[in-house]
Protein backbone atom coordinates (compact mmCIF):
# COMPACT_ATOMS: atom_id res chain seq x y z
CA UNK A 1 41.76 132.73 188.06
CA UNK A 2 44.90 131.18 189.58
CA UNK A 3 42.74 129.88 192.56
CA UNK A 4 40.44 127.91 190.36
CA UNK A 5 43.42 126.76 188.51
CA UNK A 6 44.61 125.49 191.62
CA UNK A 7 41.85 123.35 192.54
CA UNK A 8 41.53 121.71 189.47
CA UNK A 9 45.29 120.85 189.86
CA UNK A 10 44.17 119.06 193.57
CA UNK A 11 40.81 117.11 191.86
CA UNK A 12 43.12 115.76 189.07
CA UNK A 13 45.68 114.55 191.41
CA UNK A 14 43.06 113.06 193.90
CA UNK A 15 41.24 111.22 191.07
CA UNK A 16 44.32 109.68 190.00
CA UNK A 17 45.67 108.90 193.68
CA UNK A 18 41.73 107.05 194.14
CA UNK A 19 41.93 105.30 191.04
CA UNK A 20 45.51 104.20 191.54
CA UNK A 21 44.87 102.79 195.13
CA UNK A 22 41.49 101.14 194.25
CA UNK A 23 42.67 99.32 191.27
CA UNK A 24 46.30 98.45 193.17
CA UNK A 25 45.20 98.38 196.59
CA UNK A 26 41.52 97.77 197.14
CA UNK A 27 40.87 95.16 194.01
CA UNK A 28 43.76 92.95 195.15
CA UNK A 29 42.47 93.05 198.76
CA UNK A 30 38.89 92.44 197.87
CA UNK A 31 40.16 89.18 195.28
CA UNK A 32 42.67 87.79 197.88
CA UNK A 33 39.82 88.18 201.10
CA UNK A 34 40.05 84.65 202.39
CA UNK A 35 37.97 85.06 205.19
CA UNK A 36 34.27 84.46 203.09
CA UNK A 37 33.50 82.04 200.41
CA UNK A 38 34.07 82.48 196.76
CA UNK A 39 30.20 83.38 196.11
CA UNK A 40 30.00 86.32 198.32
CA UNK A 41 33.32 87.36 197.33
CA UNK A 42 32.25 87.64 194.17
CA UNK A 43 28.99 89.92 195.28
CA UNK A 44 31.32 92.20 197.26
CA UNK A 45 33.27 92.31 193.68
CA UNK A 46 29.99 93.08 191.82
CA UNK A 47 28.74 95.94 194.66
CA UNK A 48 32.23 97.13 194.88
CA UNK A 49 32.21 97.42 190.48
CA UNK A 50 28.34 98.90 190.88
CA UNK A 51 29.40 101.84 193.58
CA UNK A 52 32.85 102.47 192.37
CA UNK A 53 32.31 105.70 190.54
CA UNK A 54 30.75 106.85 193.63
CA UNK A 55 34.25 108.02 194.72
CA UNK A 56 35.10 109.56 192.09
CA UNK A 57 32.28 112.25 192.15
CA UNK A 58 32.64 112.61 196.44
CA UNK A 59 36.45 113.63 195.55
CA UNK A 60 35.71 117.04 194.70
CA UNK A 61 32.63 117.11 196.81
CA UNK A 62 35.04 116.91 199.80
CA UNK A 63 37.85 119.21 198.60
CA UNK A 64 35.77 121.76 198.29
CA UNK A 65 34.18 121.57 201.03
CA UNK A 66 36.99 121.22 203.33
CA UNK A 67 38.39 123.78 201.59
CA UNK A 68 35.41 126.06 201.98
CA UNK A 69 34.90 125.15 206.26
CA UNK A 70 38.56 126.05 206.76
CA UNK A 71 38.49 128.84 204.95
CA UNK A 72 35.12 129.98 206.47
CA UNK A 73 37.02 128.97 210.36
CA UNK A 74 39.79 130.95 209.82
CA UNK A 75 38.05 134.31 208.02
CA UNK A 76 35.88 133.98 211.13
CA UNK A 77 38.25 133.51 213.05
CA UNK A 78 40.08 136.75 211.69
CA UNK A 79 37.31 139.15 213.32
CA UNK A 80 38.08 138.54 216.80
CA UNK A 81 42.36 139.54 215.96
CA UNK A 82 42.76 143.45 214.60
CA UNK A 83 45.54 142.32 212.66
CA UNK A 84 43.71 140.25 210.11
CA UNK A 85 40.11 142.00 210.40
CA UNK A 86 40.87 143.68 207.05
CA UNK A 87 41.40 140.18 205.17
CA UNK A 88 39.10 138.99 202.76
CA UNK A 89 37.53 135.18 202.34
CA UNK A 90 39.69 134.99 198.98
CA UNK A 91 42.93 135.87 201.00
CA UNK A 92 41.43 132.62 203.64
CA UNK A 93 40.85 130.27 200.72
CA UNK A 94 44.27 130.92 199.54
CA UNK A 95 45.46 130.25 202.84
CA UNK A 96 43.43 126.56 202.83
CA UNK A 97 44.48 125.66 199.72
CA UNK A 98 48.12 125.97 200.55
CA UNK A 99 47.90 124.03 203.33
CA UNK A 100 46.00 121.71 201.18
CA UNK A 101 48.83 120.90 199.23
CA UNK A 102 50.80 119.72 202.13
CA UNK A 103 47.54 117.36 202.44
CA UNK A 104 47.48 115.79 198.69
CA UNK A 105 51.25 115.92 198.76
CA UNK A 106 50.92 113.49 201.74
CA UNK A 107 48.51 111.36 199.97
CA UNK A 108 50.65 110.77 196.84
CA UNK A 109 53.28 109.79 199.08
CA UNK A 110 51.20 107.36 200.60
CA UNK A 111 49.63 106.45 197.25
CA UNK A 112 53.06 105.49 195.48
CA UNK A 113 54.14 103.71 198.72
CA UNK A 114 50.99 101.44 198.66
CA UNK A 115 51.30 100.91 195.15
CA UNK A 116 55.25 100.26 195.26
CA UNK A 117 56.12 98.73 198.52
CA UNK A 118 52.70 97.56 199.64
CA UNK A 119 50.15 98.04 202.25
CA UNK A 120 52.37 97.08 204.98
CA UNK A 121 54.98 99.51 204.58
CA UNK A 122 51.99 102.59 203.73
CA UNK A 123 50.59 101.52 207.43
CA UNK A 124 54.20 102.72 208.84
CA UNK A 125 54.18 105.79 206.74
CA UNK A 126 50.64 106.95 208.50
CA UNK A 127 52.62 106.44 211.79
CA UNK A 128 54.40 109.54 211.00
CA UNK A 129 52.78 111.18 214.15
CA UNK A 130 54.09 113.99 216.62
CA UNK A 131 54.81 110.70 219.26
CA UNK A 132 57.26 109.07 216.84
CA UNK A 133 59.25 112.63 217.20
CA UNK A 134 58.85 112.78 221.13
CA UNK A 135 58.91 108.97 221.99
CA UNK A 136 55.98 107.43 223.49
CA UNK A 137 57.14 106.18 226.51
CA UNK A 138 58.19 109.42 228.41
CA UNK A 139 54.61 110.92 227.98
CA UNK A 140 51.95 111.29 230.53
CA UNK A 141 49.44 108.54 229.14
CA UNK A 142 46.83 111.78 228.98
CA UNK A 143 48.74 113.42 226.36
CA UNK A 144 49.11 110.14 223.90
CA UNK A 145 45.92 110.62 222.05
CA UNK A 146 46.21 114.34 221.57
CA UNK A 147 49.69 114.37 220.49
CA UNK A 148 49.48 111.27 218.20
CA UNK A 149 46.47 113.25 216.08
CA UNK A 150 49.11 115.69 214.94
CA UNK A 151 50.13 114.58 211.71
CA UNK A 152 54.02 115.45 210.54
CA UNK A 153 52.59 116.47 206.90
CA UNK A 154 50.02 118.70 208.63
CA UNK A 155 52.68 120.96 210.98
CA UNK A 156 54.62 121.00 207.24
CA UNK A 157 51.48 124.01 206.77
């Protein structure tokens, strides 16, 4: 029961941030898109309004899929450890839910920065990778890509 309430809370937060990002970030960007003519811009906005609902349907489905896959990987991985062998899938679902809370917190912070300060400030926030703390100058070239994929918000899990 507790996990389903958390899931509903996560879905609610995701739907709210999706709506805010669409209204205050994507829509103004589409309206001010200067690289196309007025007629093409009107067609883009019309198609966007027509298919906008799809993002609200996809958000809970993708969240459920992400939680299920993470839980499944942890559950299968627990077979290889004697200490974790007695755990059930439900236990790993709880771990995945806690990890997802951090990722949803990141999306909320990103949405708030996007709405209040603009897209440019939000792009600087997305650069919060482990390279930021290690410094990109003193790292071997072949290590930059793997280190840039580790997000600071993911480390908090």
